[in-house]
Amino acid sequence: MRDGTSVGLIWAQARDAQGRPVIGAAGAIPWHVPEDFAHFRRTTSGHPVVMGRLTWESLPPRFRPLPGRTNVVVSRSGRPVDGALVASTVAEALDVAAAAPGGDEVWVIGGGQVYAAALALADRCVVTEVDTVVDGDAFAPVLDPDAWGPVGDVGDDWSASSGTARFRVRTHGRR
């Protein structure tokens, strides 16, 4: 990856009954917070995004590829993906993304396995916490408080959503 490239992970999470950070269920997001979609779009637009094949397939077809961003899909099979570049590993995907327009800032957008593989290379995580309990089958990484700390104002204020649950956005930086 190019020197000077910032790698961020961005996701929204709720909690399941056991307190685990849920990011998906059955290939979908089990809540509706339109304000988070707008935040995601503002944050990632103009920069490459890296995702796994299942995340790519979970995007509604009208949003594939995500507009205004180079889309890089991690796929062990290496099969071509219409509208996206393909890499066989997360490390390769980050290299491809760093070389793309806007590659000084690369965003990893899921899923769980891609987040886990990219976490060691990231310098920040932007997490939307959704205040609801859901069942899920895809999970975000748990951020080690010895390695990650809050960035900016971290008040306890929640924002109301026009969707299904209140939310707040937290940025975590590497310590």
N, C-alpha and C. Protein backbone atom coordinates (compact mmCIF):
# COMPACT_ATOMS: atom_id res chain seq x y z
N MET A 1 0.84 -1.17 0.00
CA MET A 1 0.00 0.00 0.00
C MET A 1 0.89 1.24 0.00
N ARG A 2 0.42 2.30 -0.63
CA ARG A 2 1.19 3.54 -0.72
C ARG A 2 1.40 4.16 0.66
N ASP A 3 2.59 4.74 0.85
CA ASP A 3 2.81 5.53 2.06
C ASP A 3 1.84 6.69 2.05
N GLY A 4 1.35 7.04 3.21
CA GLY A 4 0.44 8.17 3.31
C GLY A 4 -1.01 7.81 3.08
N THR A 5 -1.30 6.55 2.77
CA THR A 5 -2.69 6.14 2.59
C THR A 5 -3.32 5.88 3.96
N SER A 6 -4.45 6.50 4.19
CA SER A 6 -5.21 6.28 5.41
C SER A 6 -6.23 5.17 5.14
N VAL A 7 -6.30 4.21 6.04
CA VAL A 7 -7.28 3.12 5.91
C VAL A 7 -8.28 3.25 7.06
N GLY A 8 -9.54 3.42 6.69
CA GLY A 8 -10.60 3.50 7.68
C GLY A 8 -11.58 2.36 7.49
N LEU A 9 -12.13 1.92 8.59
CA LEU A 9 -13.23 0.95 8.56
C LEU A 9 -14.48 1.72 8.96
N ILE A 10 -15.57 1.47 8.27
CA ILE A 10 -16.82 2.16 8.58
C ILE A 10 -17.95 1.14 8.60
N TRP A 11 -18.74 1.18 9.66
CA TRP A 11 -19.88 0.27 9.74
C TRP A 11 -20.92 0.82 10.70
N ALA A 12 -22.11 0.26 10.61
CA ALA A 12 -23.18 0.50 11.58
C ALA A 12 -23.42 -0.80 12.31
N GLN A 13 -23.66 -0.69 13.61
CA GLN A 13 -23.88 -1.90 14.39
C GLN A 13 -24.98 -1.69 15.41
N ALA A 14 -25.72 -2.77 15.65
CA ALA A 14 -26.65 -2.85 16.77
C ALA A 14 -26.06 -3.92 17.69
N ARG A 15 -26.82 -4.39 18.63
CA ARG A 15 -26.37 -5.45 19.52
C ARG A 15 -27.38 -6.59 19.47
N ASP A 16 -26.85 -7.82 19.66
CA ASP A 16 -27.77 -8.93 19.82
C ASP A 16 -28.02 -9.14 21.31
N ALA A 17 -28.82 -10.13 21.65
CA ALA A 17 -29.18 -10.37 23.05
C ALA A 17 -27.97 -10.69 23.92
N GLN A 18 -26.89 -11.18 23.30
CA GLN A 18 -25.66 -11.48 24.04
C GLN A 18 -24.70 -10.28 24.07
N GLY A 19 -25.08 -9.17 23.45
CA GLY A 19 -24.24 -7.98 23.45
C GLY A 19 -23.22 -7.92 22.33
N ARG A 20 -23.28 -8.86 21.40
CA ARG A 20 -22.32 -8.85 20.28
C ARG A 20 -22.71 -7.78 19.26
N PRO A 21 -21.69 -7.18 18.59
CA PRO A 21 -21.96 -6.11 17.63
C PRO A 21 -22.43 -6.65 16.27
N VAL A 22 -23.73 -6.61 16.04
CA VAL A 22 -24.35 -7.14 14.82
C VAL A 22 -24.25 -6.10 13.70
N ILE A 23 -23.79 -6.54 12.51
CA ILE A 23 -23.78 -5.66 11.34
C ILE A 23 -24.71 -6.16 10.23
N GLY A 24 -25.22 -7.39 10.37
CA GLY A 24 -26.10 -7.90 9.33
C GLY A 24 -26.82 -9.16 9.75
N ALA A 25 -27.87 -9.47 8.99
CA ALA A 25 -28.64 -10.68 9.21
C ALA A 25 -29.19 -11.14 7.87
N ALA A 26 -28.86 -12.36 7.49
CA ALA A 26 -29.37 -12.94 6.24
C ALA A 26 -29.12 -12.04 5.04
N GLY A 27 -27.92 -11.45 4.98
CA GLY A 27 -27.54 -10.64 3.82
C GLY A 27 -28.16 -9.26 3.78
N ALA A 28 -28.72 -8.80 4.89
CA ALA A 28 -29.35 -7.48 4.92
C ALA A 28 -29.01 -6.78 6.23
N ILE A 29 -29.31 -5.50 6.29
CA ILE A 29 -29.14 -4.72 7.51
C ILE A 29 -30.48 -4.74 8.24
N PRO A 30 -30.51 -5.25 9.49
CA PRO A 30 -31.79 -5.45 10.18
C PRO A 30 -32.35 -4.21 10.90
N TRP A 31 -32.06 -3.03 10.39
CA TRP A 31 -32.64 -1.79 10.90
C TRP A 31 -32.65 -0.80 9.75
N HIS A 32 -33.32 0.32 9.95
CA HIS A 32 -33.39 1.34 8.90
C HIS A 32 -33.10 2.70 9.52
N VAL A 33 -31.92 3.25 9.21
CA VAL A 33 -31.51 4.56 9.71
C VAL A 33 -31.01 5.36 8.50
N PRO A 34 -31.91 6.07 7.81
CA PRO A 34 -31.52 6.80 6.60
C PRO A 34 -30.38 7.79 6.84
N GLU A 35 -30.33 8.37 8.02
CA GLU A 35 -29.28 9.33 8.32
C GLU A 35 -27.90 8.67 8.30
N ASP A 36 -27.83 7.40 8.65
CA ASP A 36 -26.55 6.70 8.58
C ASP A 36 -26.14 6.45 7.14
N PHE A 37 -27.10 6.14 6.27
CA PHE A 37 -26.76 5.98 4.85
C PHE A 37 -26.18 7.28 4.30
N ALA A 38 -26.78 8.42 4.68
CA ALA A 38 -26.27 9.72 4.21
C ALA A 38 -24.87 9.97 4.76
N HIS A 39 -24.65 9.64 6.02
CA HIS A 39 -23.32 9.80 6.63
C HIS A 39 -22.30 8.92 5.90
N PHE A 40 -22.66 7.68 5.62
CA PHE A 40 -21.78 6.76 4.90
C PHE A 40 -21.42 7.34 3.53
N ARG A 41 -22.41 7.82 2.82
CA ARG A 41 -22.18 8.38 1.49
C ARG A 41 -21.24 9.59 1.56
N ARG A 42 -21.50 10.51 2.49
CA ARG A 42 -20.63 11.69 2.64
C ARG A 42 -19.20 11.30 2.98
N THR A 43 -19.04 10.32 3.85
CA THR A 43 -17.71 9.93 4.32
C THR A 43 -16.90 9.23 3.24
N THR A 44 -17.54 8.35 2.48
CA THR A 44 -16.79 7.51 1.53
C THR A 44 -16.74 8.06 0.11
N SER A 45 -17.60 8.99 -0.24
CA SER A 45 -17.62 9.51 -1.62
C SER A 45 -16.27 10.10 -1.99
N GLY A 46 -15.84 9.78 -3.21
CA GLY A 46 -14.57 10.28 -3.71
C GLY A 46 -13.38 9.44 -3.31
N HIS A 47 -13.62 8.37 -2.56
CA HIS A 47 -12.54 7.50 -2.10
C HIS A 47 -12.88 6.04 -2.42
N PRO A 48 -11.87 5.22 -2.67
CA PRO A 48 -12.13 3.81 -2.94
C PRO A 48 -12.74 3.11 -1.73
N VAL A 49 -13.61 2.13 -2.01
CA VAL A 49 -14.18 1.29 -0.97
C VAL A 49 -13.82 -0.16 -1.24
N VAL A 50 -13.51 -0.88 -0.16
CA VAL A 50 -13.13 -2.29 -0.23
C VAL A 50 -14.20 -3.09 0.50
N MET A 51 -14.67 -4.16 -0.13
CA MET A 51 -15.70 -4.99 0.49
C MET A 51 -15.54 -6.44 0.04
N GLY A 52 -16.11 -7.34 0.81
CA GLY A 52 -16.16 -8.74 0.42
C GLY A 52 -17.26 -8.98 -0.60
N ARG A 53 -17.20 -10.15 -1.23
CA ARG A 53 -18.20 -10.48 -2.25
C ARG A 53 -19.62 -10.50 -1.68
N LEU A 54 -19.79 -11.02 -0.47
CA LEU A 54 -21.14 -11.07 0.10
C LEU A 54 -21.69 -9.67 0.36
N THR A 55 -20.83 -8.76 0.77
CA THR A 55 -21.27 -7.37 0.95
C THR A 55 -21.68 -6.79 -0.39
N TRP A 56 -20.86 -7.03 -1.41
CA TRP A 56 -21.20 -6.57 -2.77
C TRP A 56 -22.57 -7.10 -3.18
N GLU A 57 -22.78 -8.39 -2.98
CA GLU A 57 -24.04 -9.01 -3.39
C GLU A 57 -25.23 -8.52 -2.57
N SER A 58 -24.96 -8.03 -1.35
CA SER A 58 -26.05 -7.53 -0.51
C SER A 58 -26.50 -6.12 -0.92
N LEU A 59 -25.68 -5.42 -1.71
CA LEU A 59 -26.07 -4.09 -2.17
C LEU A 59 -27.20 -4.21 -3.19
N PRO A 60 -28.20 -3.36 -3.09
CA PRO A 60 -29.25 -3.39 -4.12
C PRO A 60 -28.61 -3.17 -5.49
N PRO A 61 -29.03 -3.92 -6.50
CA PRO A 61 -28.41 -3.81 -7.83
C PRO A 61 -28.32 -2.38 -8.36
N ARG A 62 -29.29 -1.54 -8.03
CA ARG A 62 -29.25 -0.16 -8.54
C ARG A 62 -28.11 0.65 -7.92
N PHE A 63 -27.51 0.15 -6.82
CA PHE A 63 -26.40 0.84 -6.17
C PHE A 63 -25.05 0.18 -6.44
N ARG A 64 -25.03 -0.83 -7.33
CA ARG A 64 -23.76 -1.50 -7.66
C ARG A 64 -23.30 -1.04 -9.03
N PRO A 65 -22.10 -0.53 -9.12
CA PRO A 65 -21.18 -0.21 -8.03
C PRO A 65 -21.65 1.04 -7.29
N LEU A 66 -21.15 1.22 -6.07
CA LEU A 66 -21.46 2.44 -5.33
C LEU A 66 -20.92 3.62 -6.12
N PRO A 67 -21.75 4.59 -6.44
CA PRO A 67 -21.32 5.69 -7.31
C PRO A 67 -20.32 6.62 -6.62
N GLY A 68 -19.45 7.21 -7.45
CA GLY A 68 -18.49 8.19 -6.95
C GLY A 68 -17.34 7.60 -6.18
N ARG A 69 -17.15 6.29 -6.29
CA ARG A 69 -16.09 5.60 -5.56
C ARG A 69 -15.60 4.44 -6.41
N THR A 70 -14.29 4.18 -6.41
CA THR A 70 -13.79 2.94 -6.99
C THR A 70 -14.19 1.82 -6.04
N ASN A 71 -14.86 0.80 -6.56
CA ASN A 71 -15.31 -0.34 -5.76
C ASN A 71 -14.33 -1.49 -5.96
N VAL A 72 -13.79 -2.02 -4.87
CA VAL A 72 -12.87 -3.15 -4.93
C VAL A 72 -13.50 -4.28 -4.12
N VAL A 73 -13.67 -5.44 -4.76
CA VAL A 73 -14.30 -6.58 -4.12
C VAL A 73 -13.25 -7.65 -3.86
N VAL A 74 -13.22 -8.14 -2.62
CA VAL A 74 -12.33 -9.24 -2.25
C VAL A 74 -13.06 -10.54 -2.52
N SER A 75 -12.44 -11.38 -3.36
CA SER A 75 -13.06 -12.64 -3.73
C SER A 75 -11.97 -13.69 -3.93
N ARG A 76 -12.04 -14.76 -3.16
CA ARG A 76 -11.04 -15.82 -3.30
C ARG A 76 -11.09 -16.47 -4.68
N SER A 77 -12.28 -16.48 -5.29
CA SER A 77 -12.42 -17.13 -6.59
C SER A 77 -11.80 -16.30 -7.71
N GLY A 78 -11.70 -14.99 -7.50
CA GLY A 78 -11.15 -14.12 -8.53
C GLY A 78 -12.08 -13.88 -9.71
N ARG A 79 -13.32 -14.38 -9.61
CA ARG A 79 -14.28 -14.16 -10.70
C ARG A 79 -14.52 -12.67 -10.89
N PRO A 80 -14.62 -12.23 -12.13
CA PRO A 80 -14.89 -10.81 -12.38
C PRO A 80 -16.23 -10.38 -11.78
N VAL A 81 -16.28 -9.13 -11.38
CA VAL A 81 -17.49 -8.53 -10.83
C VAL A 81 -17.78 -7.29 -11.67
N ASP A 82 -18.94 -7.25 -12.30
CA ASP A 82 -19.28 -6.14 -13.18
C ASP A 82 -19.33 -4.83 -12.40
N GLY A 83 -18.50 -3.88 -12.78
CA GLY A 83 -18.50 -2.57 -12.15
C GLY A 83 -17.52 -2.41 -11.02
N ALA A 84 -16.74 -3.45 -10.72
CA ALA A 84 -15.79 -3.37 -9.60
C ALA A 84 -14.48 -4.03 -9.99
N LEU A 85 -13.43 -3.63 -9.30
CA LEU A 85 -12.15 -4.32 -9.41
C LEU A 85 -12.17 -5.48 -8.43
N VAL A 86 -11.43 -6.54 -8.73
CA VAL A 86 -11.43 -7.73 -7.88
C VAL A 86 -10.02 -8.00 -7.39
N ALA A 87 -9.91 -8.36 -6.11
CA ALA A 87 -8.64 -8.75 -5.51
C ALA A 87 -8.87 -10.04 -4.74
N SER A 88 -7.83 -10.85 -4.61
CA SER A 88 -8.01 -12.15 -3.95
C SER A 88 -7.77 -12.10 -2.44
N THR A 89 -7.14 -11.03 -1.94
CA THR A 89 -6.92 -10.89 -0.51
C THR A 89 -7.23 -9.45 -0.10
N VAL A 90 -7.42 -9.24 1.19
CA VAL A 90 -7.66 -7.88 1.68
C VAL A 90 -6.43 -7.02 1.44
N ALA A 91 -5.24 -7.55 1.67
CA ALA A 91 -4.01 -6.77 1.45
C ALA A 91 -3.91 -6.33 -0.01
N GLU A 92 -4.20 -7.24 -0.94
CA GLU A 92 -4.17 -6.88 -2.36
C GLU A 92 -5.25 -5.84 -2.66
N ALA A 93 -6.42 -5.99 -2.08
CA ALA A 93 -7.51 -5.03 -2.31
C ALA A 93 -7.12 -3.63 -1.83
N LEU A 94 -6.45 -3.56 -0.69
CA LEU A 94 -6.01 -2.25 -0.18
C LEU A 94 -4.96 -1.64 -1.10
N ASP A 95 -4.07 -2.46 -1.65
CA ASP A 95 -3.08 -1.95 -2.62
C ASP A 95 -3.78 -1.41 -3.86
N VAL A 96 -4.74 -2.16 -4.39
CA VAL A 96 -5.48 -1.73 -5.58
C VAL A 96 -6.22 -0.43 -5.27
N ALA A 97 -6.87 -0.36 -4.12
CA ALA A 97 -7.63 0.83 -3.74
C ALA A 97 -6.72 2.04 -3.57
N ALA A 98 -5.56 1.85 -2.96
CA ALA A 98 -4.64 2.96 -2.73
C ALA A 98 -4.14 3.56 -4.04
N ALA A 99 -4.09 2.75 -5.10
CA ALA A 99 -3.62 3.23 -6.41
C ALA A 99 -4.74 3.89 -7.22
N ALA A 100 -5.97 3.81 -6.76
CA ALA A 100 -7.12 4.36 -7.48
C ALA A 100 -7.29 5.85 -7.16
N PRO A 101 -8.07 6.57 -7.97
CA PRO A 101 -8.36 7.97 -7.66
C PRO A 101 -8.93 8.10 -6.24
N GLY A 102 -8.44 9.08 -5.49
CA GLY A 102 -8.88 9.28 -4.11
C GLY A 102 -8.26 8.30 -3.15
N GLY A 103 -7.26 7.53 -3.61
CA GLY A 103 -6.67 6.46 -2.82
C GLY A 103 -5.82 6.88 -1.64
N ASP A 104 -5.73 8.18 -1.38
CA ASP A 104 -5.04 8.61 -0.16
C ASP A 104 -5.87 8.26 1.07
N GLU A 105 -7.16 7.97 0.85
CA GLU A 105 -8.07 7.58 1.92
C GLU A 105 -8.91 6.42 1.40
N VAL A 106 -8.75 5.25 2.00
CA VAL A 106 -9.45 4.03 1.57
C VAL A 106 -10.41 3.63 2.69
N TRP A 107 -11.62 3.24 2.30
CA TRP A 107 -12.63 2.81 3.28
C TRP A 107 -12.97 1.34 3.09
N VAL A 108 -12.88 0.59 4.17
CA VAL A 108 -13.31 -0.81 4.19
C VAL A 108 -14.75 -0.81 4.69
N ILE A 109 -15.65 -1.43 3.90
CA ILE A 109 -17.08 -1.32 4.20
C ILE A 109 -17.75 -2.67 4.50
N GLY A 110 -16.97 -3.72 4.70
CA GLY A 110 -17.55 -4.99 5.13
C GLY A 110 -17.22 -6.14 4.22
N GLY A 111 -17.62 -7.27 4.62
CA GLY A 111 -18.31 -7.65 5.83
C GLY A 111 -17.35 -8.03 6.94
N GLY A 112 -17.88 -8.85 7.84
CA GLY A 112 -17.18 -9.18 9.06
C GLY A 112 -15.77 -9.73 8.86
N GLN A 113 -15.60 -10.65 7.91
CA GLN A 113 -14.27 -11.23 7.68
C GLN A 113 -13.31 -10.21 7.10
N VAL A 114 -13.80 -9.34 6.24
CA VAL A 114 -12.95 -8.30 5.65
C VAL A 114 -12.56 -7.29 6.72
N TYR A 115 -13.51 -6.91 7.57
CA TYR A 115 -13.16 -6.01 8.69
C TYR A 115 -12.08 -6.64 9.56
N ALA A 116 -12.24 -7.90 9.91
CA ALA A 116 -11.27 -8.57 10.78
C ALA A 116 -9.88 -8.57 10.16
N ALA A 117 -9.80 -8.82 8.85
CA ALA A 117 -8.50 -8.86 8.17
C ALA A 117 -7.89 -7.48 8.01
N ALA A 118 -8.72 -6.45 7.89
CA ALA A 118 -8.21 -5.09 7.65
C ALA A 118 -7.94 -4.32 8.93
N LEU A 119 -8.46 -4.77 10.05
CA LEU A 119 -8.36 -4.01 11.29
C LEU A 119 -6.91 -3.68 11.66
N ALA A 120 -6.01 -4.62 11.49
CA ALA A 120 -4.60 -4.39 11.85
C ALA A 120 -3.95 -3.32 10.98
N LEU A 121 -4.52 -3.04 9.81
CA LEU A 121 -3.94 -2.07 8.88
C LEU A 121 -4.63 -0.71 8.95
N ALA A 122 -5.69 -0.63 9.73
CA ALA A 122 -6.50 0.60 9.78
C ALA A 122 -5.94 1.59 10.79
N ASP A 123 -6.21 2.88 10.52
CA ASP A 123 -5.84 3.90 11.49
C ASP A 123 -7.07 4.51 12.16
N ARG A 124 -8.27 4.19 11.65
CA ARG A 124 -9.48 4.67 12.30
C ARG A 124 -10.67 3.78 11.96
N CYS A 125 -11.64 3.81 12.85
CA CYS A 125 -12.90 3.10 12.65
C CYS A 125 -14.02 4.09 12.95
N VAL A 126 -14.94 4.21 12.02
CA VAL A 126 -16.10 5.09 12.19
C VAL A 126 -17.30 4.16 12.36
N VAL A 127 -17.88 4.19 13.56
CA VAL A 127 -18.91 3.23 13.92
C VAL A 127 -20.21 3.97 14.26
N THR A 128 -21.26 3.64 13.53
CA THR A 128 -22.59 4.13 13.89
C THR A 128 -23.21 3.09 14.81
N GLU A 129 -23.51 3.51 16.03
CA GLU A 129 -24.16 2.63 16.99
C GLU A 129 -25.67 2.84 16.87
N VAL A 130 -26.38 1.76 16.62
CA VAL A 130 -27.83 1.80 16.47
C VAL A 130 -28.43 1.22 17.74
N ASP A 131 -29.31 1.97 18.37
CA ASP A 131 -29.84 1.61 19.68
C ASP A 131 -31.02 0.65 19.55
N THR A 132 -30.70 -0.59 19.22
CA THR A 132 -31.72 -1.62 19.13
C THR A 132 -31.06 -2.98 19.33
N VAL A 133 -31.84 -3.95 19.71
CA VAL A 133 -31.36 -5.32 19.87
C VAL A 133 -31.94 -6.13 18.72
N VAL A 134 -31.06 -6.83 17.99
CA VAL A 134 -31.47 -7.60 16.81
C VAL A 134 -30.76 -8.94 16.80
N ASP A 135 -31.33 -9.90 16.10
CA ASP A 135 -30.63 -11.14 15.81
C ASP A 135 -29.78 -10.89 14.58
N GLY A 136 -28.61 -11.51 14.51
CA GLY A 136 -27.76 -11.32 13.35
C GLY A 136 -26.85 -12.49 13.11
N ASP A 137 -26.24 -12.50 11.93
CA ASP A 137 -25.29 -13.55 11.59
C ASP A 137 -23.97 -12.98 11.05
N ALA A 138 -23.85 -11.67 11.05
CA ALA A 138 -22.60 -11.01 10.65
C ALA A 138 -22.26 -10.01 11.75
N PHE A 139 -20.98 -10.00 12.14
CA PHE A 139 -20.58 -9.22 13.31
C PHE A 139 -19.39 -8.33 13.01
N ALA A 140 -19.37 -7.18 13.67
CA ALA A 140 -18.24 -6.26 13.58
C ALA A 140 -17.14 -6.74 14.51
N PRO A 141 -15.91 -6.31 14.24
CA PRO A 141 -14.85 -6.62 15.20
C PRO A 141 -15.09 -5.86 16.50
N VAL A 142 -14.65 -6.44 17.60
CA VAL A 142 -14.69 -5.75 18.88
C VAL A 142 -13.38 -4.98 18.99
N LEU A 143 -13.47 -3.68 19.22
CA LEU A 143 -12.27 -2.85 19.27
C LEU A 143 -11.64 -2.93 20.66
N ASP A 144 -10.39 -3.35 20.69
CA ASP A 144 -9.63 -3.47 21.94
C ASP A 144 -9.37 -2.06 22.48
N PRO A 145 -9.85 -1.74 23.69
CA PRO A 145 -9.65 -0.39 24.21
C PRO A 145 -8.18 -0.04 24.47
N ASP A 146 -7.31 -1.03 24.53
CA ASP A 146 -5.88 -0.74 24.67
C ASP A 146 -5.28 -0.30 23.34
N ALA A 147 -5.91 -0.65 22.23
CA ALA A 147 -5.40 -0.31 20.90
C ALA A 147 -6.16 0.83 20.24
N TRP A 148 -7.42 1.03 20.65
CA TRP A 148 -8.29 2.02 20.00
C TRP A 148 -8.89 2.94 21.05
N GLY A 149 -8.97 4.22 20.71
CA GLY A 149 -9.58 5.18 21.62
C GLY A 149 -10.47 6.14 20.88
N PRO A 150 -11.36 6.81 21.61
CA PRO A 150 -12.28 7.75 20.98
C PRO A 150 -11.55 8.96 20.42
N VAL A 151 -12.09 9.49 19.33
CA VAL A 151 -11.57 10.69 18.70
C VAL A 151 -12.68 11.73 18.74
N GLY A 152 -12.35 12.93 19.17
CA GLY A 152 -13.34 14.00 19.19
C GLY A 152 -14.30 13.89 20.37
N ASP A 153 -15.39 14.63 20.27
CA ASP A 153 -16.40 14.68 21.33
C ASP A 153 -17.11 13.34 21.41
N VAL A 154 -17.15 12.75 22.59
CA VAL A 154 -17.80 11.44 22.75
C VAL A 154 -18.91 11.52 23.79
N GLY A 155 -19.71 12.56 23.69
CA GLY A 155 -20.86 12.66 24.58
C GLY A 155 -21.78 11.47 24.40
N ASP A 156 -22.72 11.35 25.31
CA ASP A 156 -23.65 10.22 25.26
C ASP A 156 -24.92 10.53 24.49
N ASP A 157 -24.92 11.62 23.75
CA ASP A 157 -26.12 12.03 23.03
C ASP A 157 -26.44 11.09 21.88
N TRP A 158 -27.68 10.67 21.83
CA TRP A 158 -28.20 9.87 20.73
C TRP A 158 -29.00 10.80 19.83
N SER A 159 -29.01 10.50 18.55
CA SER A 159 -29.80 11.27 17.59
C SER A 159 -31.04 10.48 17.20
N ALA A 160 -32.15 11.17 17.06
CA ALA A 160 -33.36 10.52 16.58
C ALA A 160 -33.21 10.26 15.09
N SER A 161 -33.78 9.17 14.63
CA SER A 161 -33.75 8.82 13.22
C SER A 161 -35.17 8.88 12.66
N SER A 162 -35.25 9.15 11.37
CA SER A 162 -36.56 9.06 10.71
C SER A 162 -36.91 7.60 10.45
N GLY A 163 -35.97 6.70 10.75
CA GLY A 163 -36.17 5.27 10.55
C GLY A 163 -36.59 4.56 11.82
N THR A 164 -35.98 3.41 12.07
CA THR A 164 -36.46 2.51 13.11
C THR A 164 -35.83 2.67 14.48
N ALA A 165 -34.70 3.36 14.62
CA ALA A 165 -34.02 3.41 15.91
C ALA A 165 -33.15 4.66 16.01
N ARG A 166 -32.90 5.09 17.24
CA ARG A 166 -31.98 6.21 17.41
C ARG A 166 -30.55 5.71 17.18
N PHE A 167 -29.62 6.65 17.00
CA PHE A 167 -28.25 6.27 16.65
C PHE A 167 -27.27 7.33 17.12
N ARG A 168 -25.99 6.96 17.13
CA ARG A 168 -24.90 7.91 17.34
C ARG A 168 -23.68 7.42 16.59
N VAL A 169 -22.84 8.35 16.17
CA VAL A 169 -21.64 8.01 15.40
C VAL A 169 -20.43 8.23 16.29
N ARG A 170 -19.55 7.23 16.34
CA ARG A 170 -18.33 7.29 17.12
C ARG A 170 -17.14 7.03 16.20
N THR A 171 -16.10 7.86 16.34
CA THR A 171 -14.86 7.62 15.61
C THR A 171 -13.82 7.14 16.61
N HIS A 172 -13.13 6.07 16.25
CA HIS A 172 -12.08 5.49 17.09
C HIS A 172 -10.77 5.57 16.32
N GLY A 173 -9.72 6.03 17.00
CA GLY A 173 -8.40 6.10 16.39
C GLY A 173 -7.45 5.15 17.07
N ARG A 174 -6.44 4.76 16.33
CA ARG A 174 -5.42 3.88 16.91
C ARG A 174 -4.64 4.65 17.97
N ARG A 175 -4.43 4.02 19.11
CA ARG A 175 -3.66 4.65 20.21
C ARG A 175 -2.18 4.59 19.90
